[in-house]
Amino acid sequence: MTSEYTLAEGLYLYPTPAGAYYAVSSLEMDKPRQFLRRLLQYPETPLLTLDNLRRLMNYDDEKSVWNYYITARNCGGYKVLINQKSTR
């Protein structure tokens, strides 16, 4: 499947302090917490790639990844910074 969206190259994902707190502040396992908890388990700051987003979101298909990513970005639901440089 060819997507109408693309990700910028050379960007990294890492949780904000608020995102890290949100991930561990409750036992509830909503999608944002699942995403953040998986991200916190990475030994190094992962690149922003479709494959990494699939693993972090636990989705198999590209359309679901884009739907979740765009919805979260548009509603300000991200507790993850996307940066050009690894911080770990």
C-alpha atoms as a PDB file:
ATOM      1  CA  MET A   1       0.000   0.000   0.000  1.00  0.00           C
ATOM      2  CA  THR A   2       1.342   3.399  -0.943  1.00  0.00           C
ATOM      3  CA  SER A   3       0.587   6.110   1.542  1.00  0.00           C
ATOM      4  CA  GLU A   4      -0.107   9.753   0.838  1.00  0.00           C
ATOM      5  CA  TYR A   5       1.905  10.559   3.974  1.00  0.00           C
ATOM      6  CA  THR A   6       5.634  10.487   4.599  1.00  0.00           C
ATOM      7  CA  LEU A   7       7.794  10.839   7.696  1.00  0.00           C
ATOM      8  CA  ALA A   8      10.735  13.210   7.780  1.00  0.00           C
ATOM      9  CA  GLU A   9      14.068  11.403   7.952  1.00  0.00           C
ATOM     10  CA  GLY A  10      16.537  11.690  10.801  1.00  0.00           C
ATOM     11  CA  LEU A  11      13.996  12.401  13.549  1.00  0.00           C
ATOM     12  CA  TYR A  12      13.819  10.567  16.874  1.00  0.00           C
ATOM     13  CA  LEU A  13      11.009   9.753  19.296  1.00  0.00           C
ATOM     14  CA  TYR A  14      11.388  10.227  23.022  1.00  0.00           C
ATOM     15  CA  PRO A  15       8.904  10.765  25.833  1.00  0.00           C
ATOM     16  CA  THR A  16       8.456  14.145  27.439  1.00  0.00           C
ATOM     17  CA  PRO A  17       8.623  14.238  31.253  1.00  0.00           C
ATOM     18  CA  ALA A  18       4.818  14.506  31.243  1.00  0.00           C
ATOM     19  CA  GLY A  19       4.610  11.521  28.898  1.00  0.00           C
ATOM     20  CA  ALA A  20       6.857   9.397  31.113  1.00  0.00           C
ATOM     21  CA  TYR A  21       4.756  10.321  34.149  1.00  0.00           C
ATOM     22  CA  TYR A  22       1.516   9.608  32.273  1.00  0.00           C
ATOM     23  CA  ALA A  23       2.809   6.182  31.218  1.00  0.00           C
ATOM     24  CA  VAL A  24       3.431   5.014  34.785  1.00  0.00           C
ATOM     25  CA  SER A  25       0.884   7.008  36.791  1.00  0.00           C
ATOM     26  CA  SER A  26      -1.914   4.478  36.350  1.00  0.00           C
ATOM     27  CA  LEU A  27      -2.394   0.776  35.753  1.00  0.00           C
ATOM     28  CA  GLU A  28      -4.914   1.623  33.018  1.00  0.00           C
ATOM     29  CA  MET A  29      -3.698   0.391  29.629  1.00  0.00           C
ATOM     30  CA  ASP A  30      -5.130   2.824  27.091  1.00  0.00           C
ATOM     31  CA  LYS A  31      -3.425   3.211  23.695  1.00  0.00           C
ATOM     32  CA  PRO A  32      -1.315   6.252  24.654  1.00  0.00           C
ATOM     33  CA  ARG A  33       0.012   4.493  27.767  1.00  0.00           C
ATOM     34  CA  GLN A  34       0.784   1.346  25.803  1.00  0.00           C
ATOM     35  CA  PHE A  35       2.680   3.413  23.225  1.00  0.00           C
ATOM     36  CA  LEU A  36       4.645   5.297  25.881  1.00  0.00           C
ATOM     37  CA  ARG A  37       5.444   2.176  27.917  1.00  0.00           C
ATOM     38  CA  ARG A  38       6.802   0.446  24.820  1.00  0.00           C
ATOM     39  CA  LEU A  39       8.834   3.557  23.996  1.00  0.00           C
ATOM     40  CA  LEU A  40      10.290   3.666  27.511  1.00  0.00           C
ATOM     41  CA  GLN A  41      11.465   0.059  27.103  1.00  0.00           C
ATOM     42  CA  TYR A  42      13.710   0.877  24.132  1.00  0.00           C
ATOM     43  CA  PRO A  43      17.401   0.792  25.127  1.00  0.00           C
ATOM     44  CA  GLU A  44      18.114   3.729  22.776  1.00  0.00           C
ATOM     45  CA  THR A  45      16.044   6.577  21.380  1.00  0.00           C
ATOM     46  CA  PRO A  46      14.303   5.131  18.289  1.00  0.00           C
ATOM     47  CA  LEU A  47      14.155   6.819  14.926  1.00  0.00           C
ATOM     48  CA  LEU A  48      10.774   8.059  13.769  1.00  0.00           C
ATOM     49  CA  THR A  49      10.062   5.378  11.166  1.00  0.00           C
ATOM     50  CA  LEU A  50       6.906   3.621  10.090  1.00  0.00           C
ATOM     51  CA  ASP A  51       8.269   0.289  11.354  1.00  0.00           C
ATOM     52  CA  ASN A  52       9.053   1.750  14.792  1.00  0.00           C
ATOM     53  CA  LEU A  53       5.604   3.355  14.964  1.00  0.00           C
ATOM     54  CA  ARG A  54       4.013   0.005  14.041  1.00  0.00           C
ATOM     55  CA  ARG A  55       5.862  -1.721  16.881  1.00  0.00           C
ATOM     56  CA  LEU A  56       5.147   1.049  19.393  1.00  0.00           C
ATOM     57  CA  MET A  57       1.460   1.231  18.463  1.00  0.00           C
ATOM     58  CA  ASN A  58       1.130  -2.543  18.088  1.00  0.00           C
ATOM     59  CA  TYR A  59      -0.565  -2.173  14.686  1.00  0.00           C
ATOM     60  CA  ASP A  60       0.115  -4.346  11.657  1.00  0.00           C
ATOM     61  CA  ASP A  61      -1.287  -2.176   8.907  1.00  0.00           C
ATOM     62  CA  GLU A  62      -0.013   1.178   7.727  1.00  0.00           C
ATOM     63  CA  LYS A  63      -3.468   2.775   7.561  1.00  0.00           C
ATOM     64  CA  SER A  64      -4.090   2.186  11.283  1.00  0.00           C
ATOM     65  CA  VAL A  65      -0.675   3.639  12.135  1.00  0.00           C
ATOM     66  CA  TRP A  66      -1.356   6.808  10.149  1.00  0.00           C
ATOM     67  CA  ASN A  67      -4.906   7.175  11.523  1.00  0.00           C
ATOM     68  CA  TYR A  68      -3.686   6.959  15.127  1.00  0.00           C
ATOM     69  CA  TYR A  69      -0.624   9.148  14.514  1.00  0.00           C
ATOM     70  CA  ILE A  70      -2.534  11.922  12.747  1.00  0.00           C
ATOM     71  CA  THR A  71      -5.459  11.875  15.195  1.00  0.00           C
ATOM     72  CA  ALA A  72      -3.104  12.121  18.171  1.00  0.00           C
ATOM     73  CA  ARG A  73      -1.077  14.908  16.552  1.00  0.00           C
ATOM     74  CA  ASN A  74      -4.185  16.929  15.621  1.00  0.00           C
ATOM     75  CA  CYS A  75      -5.743  16.745  19.088  1.00  0.00           C
ATOM     76  CA  GLY A  76      -2.495  17.523  20.903  1.00  0.00           C
ATOM     77  CA  GLY A  77      -2.455  14.058  22.413  1.00  0.00           C
ATOM     78  CA  TYR A  78       1.250  13.471  21.978  1.00  0.00           C
ATOM     79  CA  LYS A  79       3.398  13.211  25.028  1.00  0.00           C
ATOM     80  CA  VAL A  80       6.365  12.373  22.830  1.00  0.00           C
ATOM     81  CA  LEU A  81       8.847  14.779  21.332  1.00  0.00           C
ATOM     82  CA  ILE A  82      10.005  14.367  17.781  1.00  0.00           C
ATOM     83  CA  ASN A  83      13.488  15.763  17.495  1.00  0.00           C
ATOM     84  CA  GLN A  84      16.383  15.722  15.049  1.00  0.00           C
ATOM     85  CA  LYS A  85      18.876  14.511  17.595  1.00  0.00           C
ATOM     86  CA  SER A  86      18.943  11.550  19.929  1.00  0.00           C
ATOM     87  CA  THR A  87      18.857  12.571  23.591  1.00  0.00           C
ATOM     88  CA  ARG A  88      19.969   9.291  25.122  1.00  0.00           C
END
